[in-house]
Every structure is written in structure tokens, then in C-alpha cells.
Protein backbone atom coordinates (compact mmCIF):
# COMPACT_ATOMS: atom_id res chain seq x y z
CA UNK A 1 101.98 109.43 115.01
CA UNK A 2 101.56 107.97 111.43
CA UNK A 3 104.56 108.53 109.09
CA UNK A 4 104.01 110.08 105.87
CA UNK A 5 101.93 107.77 103.67
CA UNK A 6 100.74 108.03 100.09
CA UNK A 7 97.60 106.37 98.61
CA UNK A 8 97.45 105.28 95.08
CA UNK A 9 95.87 102.94 92.71
CA UNK A 10 97.45 99.67 92.58
CA UNK A 11 99.59 98.69 89.61
CA UNK A 12 100.56 95.19 88.39
CA UNK A 13 103.96 95.49 89.89
CA UNK A 14 102.32 95.83 93.27
CA UNK A 15 100.67 92.36 93.32
CA UNK A 16 103.59 90.34 94.87
CA UNK A 17 103.57 92.74 97.85
CA UNK A 18 99.59 92.62 98.05
CA UNK A 19 99.87 88.84 98.13
CA UNK A 20 102.42 88.72 100.88
CA UNK A 21 100.09 90.71 103.11
CA UNK A 22 97.16 88.42 102.26
CA UNK A 23 99.47 85.45 102.97
CA UNK A 24 100.30 86.87 106.40
CA UNK A 25 97.01 88.12 107.44
CA UNK A 26 95.04 85.09 105.77
CA UNK A 27 97.29 82.09 105.79
CA UNK A 28 94.56 79.53 104.90
CA UNK A 29 93.18 81.54 101.99
CA UNK A 30 93.77 79.87 98.70
CA UNK A 31 96.82 81.45 97.00
CA UNK A 32 95.60 81.08 93.60
CA UNK A 33 92.24 82.40 94.15
CA UNK A 34 93.74 85.45 95.98
CA UNK A 35 96.01 85.99 92.92
CA UNK A 36 93.02 85.72 90.54
CA UNK A 37 90.86 88.24 92.70
CA UNK A 38 93.70 90.77 92.93
CA UNK A 39 94.78 90.56 89.29
CA UNK A 40 91.12 91.00 88.12
CA UNK A 41 91.73 94.64 88.35
CA UNK A 42 93.96 94.50 85.39
CA UNK A 43 91.72 92.39 83.31
CA UNK A 44 89.15 93.67 80.40
CA UNK A 45 86.14 92.86 82.59
CA UNK A 46 83.33 95.43 82.46
CA UNK A 47 82.94 95.22 86.25
CA UNK A 48 86.48 94.96 87.61
CA UNK A 49 87.64 96.05 91.05
CA UNK A 50 89.99 98.86 91.74
CA UNK A 51 92.60 98.36 94.55
CA UNK A 52 94.05 101.15 96.43
CA UNK A 53 97.42 100.82 98.23
CA UNK A 54 98.96 102.64 101.08
CA UNK A 55 102.59 103.14 100.62
CA UNK A 56 105.29 104.12 102.99
CA UNK A 57 109.01 104.22 102.10
CA UNK A 58 108.18 102.71 98.80
CA UNK A 59 106.59 99.47 100.60
CA UNK A 60 103.01 98.68 100.39
CA UNK A 61 101.79 98.65 103.99
CA UNK A 62 97.84 98.08 103.34
CA UNK A 63 95.44 97.76 100.71
CA UNK A 64 91.73 97.41 99.84
CA UNK A 65 89.58 96.85 97.00
CA UNK A 66 86.07 98.22 95.77
CA UNK A 67 84.05 98.20 92.80
CA UNK A 68 80.51 99.11 91.85
CA UNK A 69 77.77 96.42 92.15
CA UNK A 70 76.99 94.76 88.81
CA UNK A 71 73.34 95.02 89.73
CA UNK A 72 73.20 98.74 90.60
CA UNK A 73 76.03 100.95 90.09
CA UNK A 74 74.95 103.52 92.70
CA UNK A 75 75.76 100.64 95.42
CA UNK A 76 79.58 99.99 95.93
CA UNK A 77 81.39 97.12 97.77
CA UNK A 78 84.49 97.46 99.66
CA UNK A 79 86.61 94.23 100.19
CA UNK A 80 90.10 92.84 100.98
CA UNK A 81 91.03 95.48 103.40
CA UNK A 82 94.26 94.38 104.78
CA UNK A 83 97.03 96.04 106.81
CA UNK A 84 100.40 94.50 107.29
CA UNK A 85 100.72 93.43 110.90
CA UNK A 86 103.50 95.42 111.64
CA UNK A 87 101.40 98.74 110.98
CA UNK A 88 98.31 97.74 112.67
CA UNK A 89 96.62 99.86 115.34
CA UNK A 90 98.16 103.00 113.76
CA UNK A 91 94.94 104.19 112.15
CA UNK A 92 96.11 103.16 108.78
CA UNK A 93 93.05 101.05 108.08
CA UNK A 94 90.82 103.83 108.95
CA UNK A 95 92.64 106.33 106.95
CA UNK A 96 92.48 103.79 103.94
CA UNK A 97 88.80 103.25 104.14
CA UNK A 98 88.02 106.97 104.48
CA UNK A 99 90.26 107.42 101.28
CA UNK A 100 88.22 104.91 99.54
CA UNK A 101 84.92 106.46 100.49
CA UNK A 102 85.95 109.78 99.02
CA UNK A 103 87.17 108.08 95.88
CA UNK A 104 83.57 106.34 95.62
CA UNK A 105 82.08 109.79 96.30
CA UNK A 106 84.01 111.26 93.43
CA UNK A 107 83.14 108.82 90.87
CA UNK A 108 82.12 110.85 87.93
CA UNK A 109 79.78 108.33 85.98
CA UNK A 110 77.70 107.36 88.87
CA UNK A 111 76.15 108.93 92.03
CA UNK A 112 76.94 106.47 94.86
CA UNK A 113 74.31 106.08 97.39
CA UNK A 114 75.47 103.28 99.42
CA UNK A 115 78.52 101.25 100.28
CA UNK A 116 78.53 97.46 101.50
CA UNK A 117 81.14 95.45 102.93
CA UNK A 118 81.21 92.09 104.90
CA UNK A 119 83.47 91.66 107.85
CA UNK A 120 84.20 89.81 111.23
CA UNK A 121 85.16 93.16 112.76
CA UNK A 122 82.04 95.23 112.84
CA UNK A 123 83.01 97.35 115.73
CA UNK A 124 85.98 98.83 113.59
CA UNK A 125 83.45 99.81 110.67
CA UNK A 126 80.91 101.11 113.12
CA UNK A 127 83.56 103.92 114.28
CA UNK A 128 83.55 104.85 110.41
CA UNK A 129 79.83 105.23 110.41
CA UNK A 130 78.88 101.80 108.93
CA UNK A 131 75.80 99.93 110.28
CA UNK A 132 75.23 96.32 110.58
CA UNK A 133 72.30 95.36 108.21
CA UNK A 134 72.54 91.46 108.53
CA UNK A 135 73.94 89.56 111.74
CA UNK A 136 74.81 86.23 109.88
CA UNK A 137 76.17 86.95 106.40
CA UNK A 138 78.40 84.09 104.91
CA UNK A 139 78.85 82.13 108.12
CA UNK A 140 80.81 84.31 110.47
CA UNK A 141 80.81 87.53 108.67
CA UNK A 142 78.20 90.47 109.15
CA UNK A 143 76.81 92.63 106.33
CA UNK A 144 77.33 96.29 106.86
CA UNK A 145 76.10 99.59 105.05
CA UNK A 146 77.14 102.97 104.86
CA UNK A 147 74.68 105.51 103.17
CA UNK A 148 76.60 108.45 101.30
């Protein structure tokens, strides 16, 4: 059973915990690049991402980001979906993705029509209703979509 968990928009003080999860799950990923990508949420950019964190007992156990496409604001992208290894296989990733899908559906300024993501684990996203639209996207990743 999943213990009580809260979802909320990330704040600047969450960055160190988010980066620790990235380091554990993606040890070869450039640390400075990860830091820039995560802190972009707090920039003055017009098309900045939003990161959602899953918090349990005051600790971040998962996070993911999303933003509207700069080409078409009815298309959203989900990225950086990460669950701390101690909390994997408990449904936390699925709940986080469902939470973000609902946040995207509730966007006031736009009417979202599609969500895109690239992943190595397409079977996980197929369970959430995504379908594969490209078999070879960015080397070993596949591109998936969800119409909403």
C-alpha cells in the first residue's frame, strides 16, 4: 500500500533533492546540465517547465516536469519522470503521471489536445494510455503520445 503522499509544484529549495534523485537514477547525466534544466523552472523564460514533486514524510520521492510546446500550446511535453529507487514499483510513477495529466487538462489558458514524451520504457506508458508514434527517437528512445 502506498503511504500518504502529497503532490505539489516544486520550489527552489527542492532542487538539491531533485538533483540527488537524478544522480542516483542517471549517474552518467551531466550534473551541470541537469541543474540548468531543473532550475529553468525558476527563470523568466516565456516557455519554462513546471516540475511536480511527490512528497512523503517531508522528502521528495519522485518528480516529473512538463511544459507546453513552444510551437503549439495545445501540445504538452512530459519529461524527467524519476522515482527514487527505494520507492519504485509502488505505483508512485503512475500516480505522478496521472496527476500531471490532470494538471495539463486543467490549464486555463489553453485547451490541451496532446501530450508527448520520449522514453526507454514504453510498456509503462502504454498502461497509462500512451501510444508509440516513433520507434527510434533520439537513439534508444521511443516517442509516445496521449490524446486528451
